[in-house]
N, C-alpha and C. Protein backbone atom coordinates (compact mmCIF):
# COMPACT_ATOMS: atom_id res chain seq x y z
N UNK A 1 106.73 64.16 88.27
CA UNK A 1 107.61 64.22 89.41
C UNK A 1 108.33 65.57 89.48
N UNK A 2 108.77 66.09 88.35
CA UNK A 2 109.46 67.38 88.32
C UNK A 2 108.52 68.50 88.74
N UNK A 3 107.28 68.46 88.27
CA UNK A 3 106.29 69.48 88.64
C UNK A 3 106.01 69.45 90.14
N UNK A 4 105.94 68.26 90.72
CA UNK A 4 105.74 68.15 92.17
C UNK A 4 106.90 68.77 92.93
N UNK A 5 108.10 68.56 92.45
CA UNK A 5 109.28 69.13 93.09
C UNK A 5 109.25 70.66 93.04
N UNK A 6 108.90 71.22 91.89
CA UNK A 6 108.80 72.67 91.75
C UNK A 6 107.71 73.21 92.68
N UNK A 7 106.57 72.56 92.70
CA UNK A 7 105.46 73.01 93.57
C UNK A 7 105.88 72.98 95.04
N UNK A 8 106.57 71.94 95.45
CA UNK A 8 107.03 71.84 96.85
C UNK A 8 107.99 72.97 97.20
N UNK A 9 108.88 73.31 96.27
CA UNK A 9 109.84 74.38 96.53
C UNK A 9 109.15 75.74 96.60
N UNK A 10 108.16 75.96 95.76
CA UNK A 10 107.41 77.22 95.81
C UNK A 10 106.63 77.32 97.12
N UNK A 11 105.98 76.24 97.51
CA UNK A 11 105.23 76.23 98.77
C UNK A 11 106.17 76.44 99.95
N UNK A 12 107.32 75.82 99.93
CA UNK A 12 108.29 75.98 101.00
C UNK A 12 108.74 77.44 101.12
N UNK A 13 109.01 78.09 99.99
CA UNK A 13 109.41 79.50 100.00
C UNK A 13 108.29 80.37 100.56
N UNK A 14 107.05 80.06 100.19
CA UNK A 14 105.91 80.82 100.70
C UNK A 14 105.74 80.62 102.20
N UNK A 15 105.93 79.41 102.67
CA UNK A 15 105.81 79.14 104.11
C UNK A 15 106.88 79.86 104.90
N UNK A 16 108.07 80.00 104.34
CA UNK A 16 109.14 80.72 105.04
C UNK A 16 108.78 82.20 105.22
N UNK A 17 107.97 82.74 104.32
CA UNK A 17 107.55 84.14 104.45
C UNK A 17 106.71 84.37 105.69
N UNK A 18 106.01 83.33 106.16
CA UNK A 18 105.19 83.49 107.37
C UNK A 18 106.05 83.61 108.61
N UNK A 19 107.27 83.07 108.56
CA UNK A 19 108.17 83.15 109.71
C UNK A 19 108.94 84.46 109.71
N UNK A 20 109.49 84.80 108.56
CA UNK A 20 110.19 86.07 108.41
C UNK A 20 110.00 86.53 106.96
N UNK A 21 109.29 87.59 106.80
CA UNK A 21 108.94 88.05 105.45
C UNK A 21 110.03 88.96 104.91
N UNK A 22 111.06 88.33 104.36
CA UNK A 22 112.13 89.08 103.72
C UNK A 22 111.80 89.19 102.24
N UNK A 23 112.19 90.24 101.67
CA UNK A 23 111.94 90.44 100.25
C UNK A 23 112.13 91.90 99.93
N UNK A 24 112.20 92.18 98.66
CA UNK A 24 112.39 93.57 98.26
C UNK A 24 111.03 94.20 97.99
N UNK A 25 110.97 95.54 98.03
CA UNK A 25 109.70 96.19 97.66
C UNK A 25 109.31 95.79 96.24
N UNK A 26 108.02 95.58 96.04
CA UNK A 26 107.54 95.12 94.75
C UNK A 26 107.42 96.22 93.72
N UNK A 27 107.14 95.81 92.52
CA UNK A 27 106.97 96.76 91.41
C UNK A 27 105.62 97.46 91.47
N UNK A 28 104.68 96.87 92.17
CA UNK A 28 103.38 97.49 92.40
C UNK A 28 103.35 98.01 93.83
N UNK A 29 102.74 99.14 94.04
CA UNK A 29 102.69 99.75 95.37
C UNK A 29 102.05 98.80 96.39
N UNK A 30 102.67 98.71 97.56
CA UNK A 30 102.13 97.88 98.63
C UNK A 30 102.46 96.41 98.55
N UNK A 31 103.29 96.03 97.58
CA UNK A 31 103.65 94.61 97.44
C UNK A 31 105.15 94.42 97.68
N UNK A 32 105.51 93.16 97.85
CA UNK A 32 106.91 92.76 98.01
C UNK A 32 107.17 91.60 97.08
N UNK A 33 108.44 91.36 96.79
CA UNK A 33 108.83 90.27 95.91
C UNK A 33 109.92 89.44 96.56
N UNK A 34 109.83 88.14 96.38
CA UNK A 34 110.83 87.22 96.92
C UNK A 34 111.13 86.17 95.86
N UNK A 35 112.41 86.00 95.52
CA UNK A 35 112.81 84.96 94.59
C UNK A 35 112.69 83.60 95.25
N UNK A 36 112.25 82.61 94.49
CA UNK A 36 112.22 81.23 94.99
C UNK A 36 113.63 80.68 94.77
N UNK A 37 114.30 80.22 95.84
CA UNK A 37 115.68 79.75 95.69
C UNK A 37 115.83 78.64 94.65
N UNK A 38 116.83 78.81 93.79
CA UNK A 38 117.21 77.84 92.76
C UNK A 38 116.12 77.56 91.72
N UNK A 39 115.14 78.44 91.62
CA UNK A 39 114.10 78.31 90.59
C UNK A 39 113.86 79.67 89.95
N UNK A 40 113.39 79.70 88.71
CA UNK A 40 113.16 80.98 88.03
C UNK A 40 111.75 81.53 88.31
N UNK A 41 111.38 81.62 89.59
CA UNK A 41 110.07 82.12 89.96
C UNK A 41 110.20 83.20 91.02
N UNK A 42 109.26 84.14 90.99
CA UNK A 42 109.18 85.21 91.97
C UNK A 42 107.82 85.13 92.64
N UNK A 43 107.81 85.21 93.97
CA UNK A 43 106.56 85.31 94.72
C UNK A 43 106.27 86.79 94.94
N UNK A 44 105.10 87.21 94.53
CA UNK A 44 104.66 88.58 94.78
C UNK A 44 103.64 88.50 95.91
N UNK A 45 103.89 89.26 96.98
CA UNK A 45 103.03 89.14 98.15
C UNK A 45 102.80 90.48 98.80
N UNK A 46 101.80 90.52 99.69
CA UNK A 46 101.54 91.70 100.49
C UNK A 46 101.37 91.28 101.94
N UNK A 47 101.61 92.22 102.83
CA UNK A 47 101.49 91.95 104.25
C UNK A 47 100.39 92.84 104.81
N UNK A 48 99.38 92.22 105.40
CA UNK A 48 98.28 92.93 106.05
C UNK A 48 98.20 92.47 107.49
N UNK A 49 98.46 93.39 108.40
CA UNK A 49 98.48 93.08 109.83
C UNK A 49 99.41 91.90 110.08
N UNK A 50 98.90 90.72 110.39
CA UNK A 50 99.75 89.56 110.64
C UNK A 50 99.61 88.50 109.56
N UNK A 51 99.09 88.87 108.40
CA UNK A 51 98.85 87.92 107.32
C UNK A 51 99.74 88.23 106.12
N UNK A 52 100.34 87.19 105.58
CA UNK A 52 101.09 87.30 104.34
C UNK A 52 100.24 86.67 103.25
N UNK A 53 99.90 87.45 102.23
CA UNK A 53 99.07 86.95 101.13
C UNK A 53 99.90 86.89 99.85
N UNK A 54 99.99 85.68 99.29
CA UNK A 54 100.68 85.50 98.02
C UNK A 54 99.72 85.95 96.92
N UNK A 55 100.12 86.94 96.16
CA UNK A 55 99.27 87.47 95.10
C UNK A 55 99.52 86.78 93.76
N UNK A 56 100.78 86.50 93.48
CA UNK A 56 101.15 85.87 92.21
C UNK A 56 102.42 85.06 92.36
N UNK A 57 102.54 84.06 91.53
CA UNK A 57 103.80 83.33 91.34
C UNK A 57 104.12 83.54 89.87
N UNK A 58 105.23 84.23 89.61
CA UNK A 58 105.54 84.65 88.24
C UNK A 58 106.88 84.05 87.81
N UNK A 59 106.90 83.50 86.61
CA UNK A 59 108.16 83.01 86.04
C UNK A 59 108.97 84.23 85.62
N UNK A 60 110.27 84.17 85.87
CA UNK A 60 111.12 85.33 85.59
C UNK A 60 111.25 85.66 84.10
N UNK A 61 110.89 84.74 83.23
CA UNK A 61 110.97 85.00 81.79
C UNK A 61 109.80 85.86 81.29
N UNK A 62 108.79 86.02 82.13
CA UNK A 62 107.63 86.81 81.72
C UNK A 62 107.95 88.29 81.73
N UNK A 63 107.34 89.03 80.84
CA UNK A 63 107.45 90.49 80.80
C UNK A 63 106.29 91.04 81.62
N UNK A 64 106.59 91.51 82.81
CA UNK A 64 105.53 91.99 83.71
C UNK A 64 105.99 93.29 84.37
N UNK A 65 105.02 94.11 84.72
CA UNK A 65 105.38 95.43 85.30
C UNK A 65 105.96 95.32 86.69
């Protein structure tokens, strides 16, 4: 049940990016990052024309570039 709740919140955050893609510039060139509200996850995404592509979902405890 807890995993379903986390998955729903991540999906909801990703769906909101299709309406308005707010986020900070990413650590990799051409990407953006958005924190998932009230969860320790970051969505890494890119925008191509009218498409938002989620590249990674990363836990904030991970050591990543």
